[in-house]
Amino acid sequence: MEFLFQFIRMNEFVTNPILFISITARFYIFRFHIQSLVVWIFIWHTQSR
């Protein structure tokens, strides 16, 4: 029983950082896409004039 509890805790520790990394990676990719979109719109506005 104790071993099972330790295994679950260890498994949680292994899966949580991966989840955290994937969430932060998604956030950074999303932010990068927003920034590139803003830059692209700005360039398009300057070119159209």
N, C-alpha and C. Protein backbone atom coordinates (compact mmCIF):
# COMPACT_ATOMS: atom_id res chain seq x y z
N MET A 1 0.83 -1.20 0.00
CA MET A 1 0.00 0.00 0.00
C MET A 1 0.88 1.26 0.00
N GLU A 2 1.87 1.27 0.85
CA GLU A 2 2.80 2.40 0.95
C GLU A 2 3.56 2.60 -0.36
N PHE A 3 3.94 1.48 -0.97
CA PHE A 3 4.67 1.52 -2.24
C PHE A 3 3.81 2.13 -3.34
N LEU A 4 2.53 1.73 -3.35
CA LEU A 4 1.59 2.24 -4.35
C LEU A 4 1.42 3.76 -4.21
N PHE A 5 1.31 4.20 -2.96
CA PHE A 5 1.17 5.64 -2.68
C PHE A 5 2.40 6.41 -3.14
N GLN A 6 3.57 5.85 -2.88
CA GLN A 6 4.83 6.48 -3.31
C GLN A 6 4.93 6.52 -4.84
N PHE A 7 4.47 5.44 -5.47
CA PHE A 7 4.49 5.36 -6.93
C PHE A 7 3.57 6.42 -7.55
N ILE A 8 2.39 6.58 -6.97
CA ILE A 8 1.43 7.59 -7.46
C ILE A 8 2.01 9.00 -7.30
N ARG A 9 2.63 9.23 -6.15
CA ARG A 9 3.25 10.54 -5.89
C ARG A 9 4.39 10.81 -6.87
N MET A 10 5.20 9.81 -7.12
CA MET A 10 6.32 9.92 -8.06
C MET A 10 5.79 10.16 -9.48
N ASN A 11 4.73 9.45 -9.83
CA ASN A 11 4.13 9.59 -11.15
C ASN A 11 3.57 10.99 -11.35
N GLU A 12 2.96 11.52 -10.30
CA GLU A 12 2.43 12.88 -10.31
C GLU A 12 3.55 13.89 -10.52
N PHE A 13 4.66 13.65 -9.85
CA PHE A 13 5.83 14.52 -9.97
C PHE A 13 6.41 14.48 -11.39
N VAL A 14 6.34 13.31 -12.01
CA VAL A 14 6.87 13.16 -13.38
C VAL A 14 5.93 13.82 -14.39
N THR A 15 4.62 13.65 -14.23
CA THR A 15 3.66 14.18 -15.20
C THR A 15 3.41 15.67 -15.05
N ASN A 16 3.51 16.20 -13.81
CA ASN A 16 3.23 17.62 -13.60
C ASN A 16 4.19 18.58 -14.29
N PRO A 17 5.52 18.39 -14.21
CA PRO A 17 6.42 19.28 -14.94
C PRO A 17 6.19 19.26 -16.45
N ILE A 18 5.85 18.09 -16.98
CA ILE A 18 5.58 17.98 -18.43
C ILE A 18 4.35 18.82 -18.79
N LEU A 19 3.33 18.74 -17.95
CA LEU A 19 2.12 19.52 -18.14
C LEU A 19 2.43 21.01 -18.06
N PHE A 20 3.21 21.38 -17.06
CA PHE A 20 3.62 22.78 -16.85
C PHE A 20 4.41 23.30 -18.05
N ILE A 21 5.35 22.49 -18.55
CA ILE A 21 6.17 22.87 -19.71
C ILE A 21 5.31 23.03 -20.95
N SER A 22 4.35 22.11 -21.15
CA SER A 22 3.49 22.19 -22.33
C SER A 22 2.58 23.42 -22.28
N ILE A 23 2.10 23.76 -21.08
CA ILE A 23 1.25 24.95 -20.93
C ILE A 23 2.05 26.22 -21.19
N THR A 24 3.26 26.29 -20.61
CA THR A 24 4.09 27.48 -20.83
C THR A 24 4.54 27.59 -22.29
N ALA A 25 4.85 26.45 -22.89
CA ALA A 25 5.25 26.44 -24.31
C ALA A 25 4.11 26.92 -25.19
N ARG A 26 2.91 26.45 -24.89
CA ARG A 26 1.74 26.88 -25.66
C ARG A 26 1.51 28.37 -25.50
N PHE A 27 1.68 28.87 -24.27
CA PHE A 27 1.51 30.30 -24.00
C PHE A 27 2.53 31.13 -24.78
N TYR A 28 3.80 30.70 -24.77
CA TYR A 28 4.84 31.43 -25.49
C TYR A 28 4.64 31.40 -27.00
N ILE A 29 4.22 30.24 -27.52
CA ILE A 29 3.93 30.12 -28.96
C ILE A 29 2.76 31.03 -29.33
N PHE A 30 1.72 31.04 -28.48
CA PHE A 30 0.55 31.89 -28.70
C PHE A 30 0.95 33.36 -28.71
N ARG A 31 1.77 33.75 -27.72
CA ARG A 31 2.23 35.14 -27.63
C ARG A 31 3.08 35.52 -28.83
N PHE A 32 3.93 34.59 -29.28
CA PHE A 32 4.76 34.84 -30.45
C PHE A 32 3.91 35.03 -31.70
N HIS A 33 2.85 34.21 -31.84
CA HIS A 33 1.95 34.34 -32.99
C HIS A 33 1.23 35.68 -32.97
N ILE A 34 0.78 36.11 -31.79
CA ILE A 34 0.11 37.42 -31.66
C ILE A 34 1.06 38.55 -32.05
N GLN A 35 2.30 38.49 -31.56
CA GLN A 35 3.29 39.53 -31.87
C GLN A 35 3.61 39.57 -33.36
N SER A 36 3.78 38.40 -33.98
CA SER A 36 4.08 38.35 -35.42
C SER A 36 2.90 38.85 -36.24
N LEU A 37 1.70 38.56 -35.78
CA LEU A 37 0.49 39.04 -36.46
C LEU A 37 0.41 40.55 -36.40
N VAL A 38 0.71 41.14 -35.24
CA VAL A 38 0.71 42.59 -35.06
C VAL A 38 1.76 43.24 -35.96
N VAL A 39 2.94 42.64 -36.02
CA VAL A 39 4.02 43.14 -36.87
C VAL A 39 3.61 43.06 -38.35
N TRP A 40 2.98 41.95 -38.74
CA TRP A 40 2.55 41.75 -40.12
C TRP A 40 1.50 42.78 -40.51
N ILE A 41 0.54 43.06 -39.59
CA ILE A 41 -0.50 44.07 -39.84
C ILE A 41 0.13 45.46 -39.96
N PHE A 42 1.10 45.74 -39.10
CA PHE A 42 1.79 47.03 -39.14
C PHE A 42 2.53 47.23 -40.46
N ILE A 43 3.22 46.18 -40.92
CA ILE A 43 3.94 46.24 -42.20
C ILE A 43 2.95 46.43 -43.36
N TRP A 44 1.83 45.67 -43.29
CA TRP A 44 0.81 45.78 -44.34
C TRP A 44 0.23 47.19 -44.40
N HIS A 45 0.01 47.81 -43.23
CA HIS A 45 -0.52 49.18 -43.18
C HIS A 45 0.47 50.18 -43.77
N THR A 46 1.77 50.00 -43.47
CA THR A 46 2.78 50.93 -43.99
C THR A 46 2.97 50.74 -45.50
N GLN A 47 2.83 49.51 -45.98
CA GLN A 47 2.99 49.22 -47.41
C GLN A 47 1.82 49.74 -48.24
N SER A 48 0.61 49.70 -47.67
CA SER A 48 -0.59 50.07 -48.43
C SER A 48 -0.71 51.57 -48.67
N ARG A 49 -0.02 52.37 -47.88
CA ARG A 49 -0.08 53.83 -48.07
C ARG A 49 0.78 54.29 -49.25
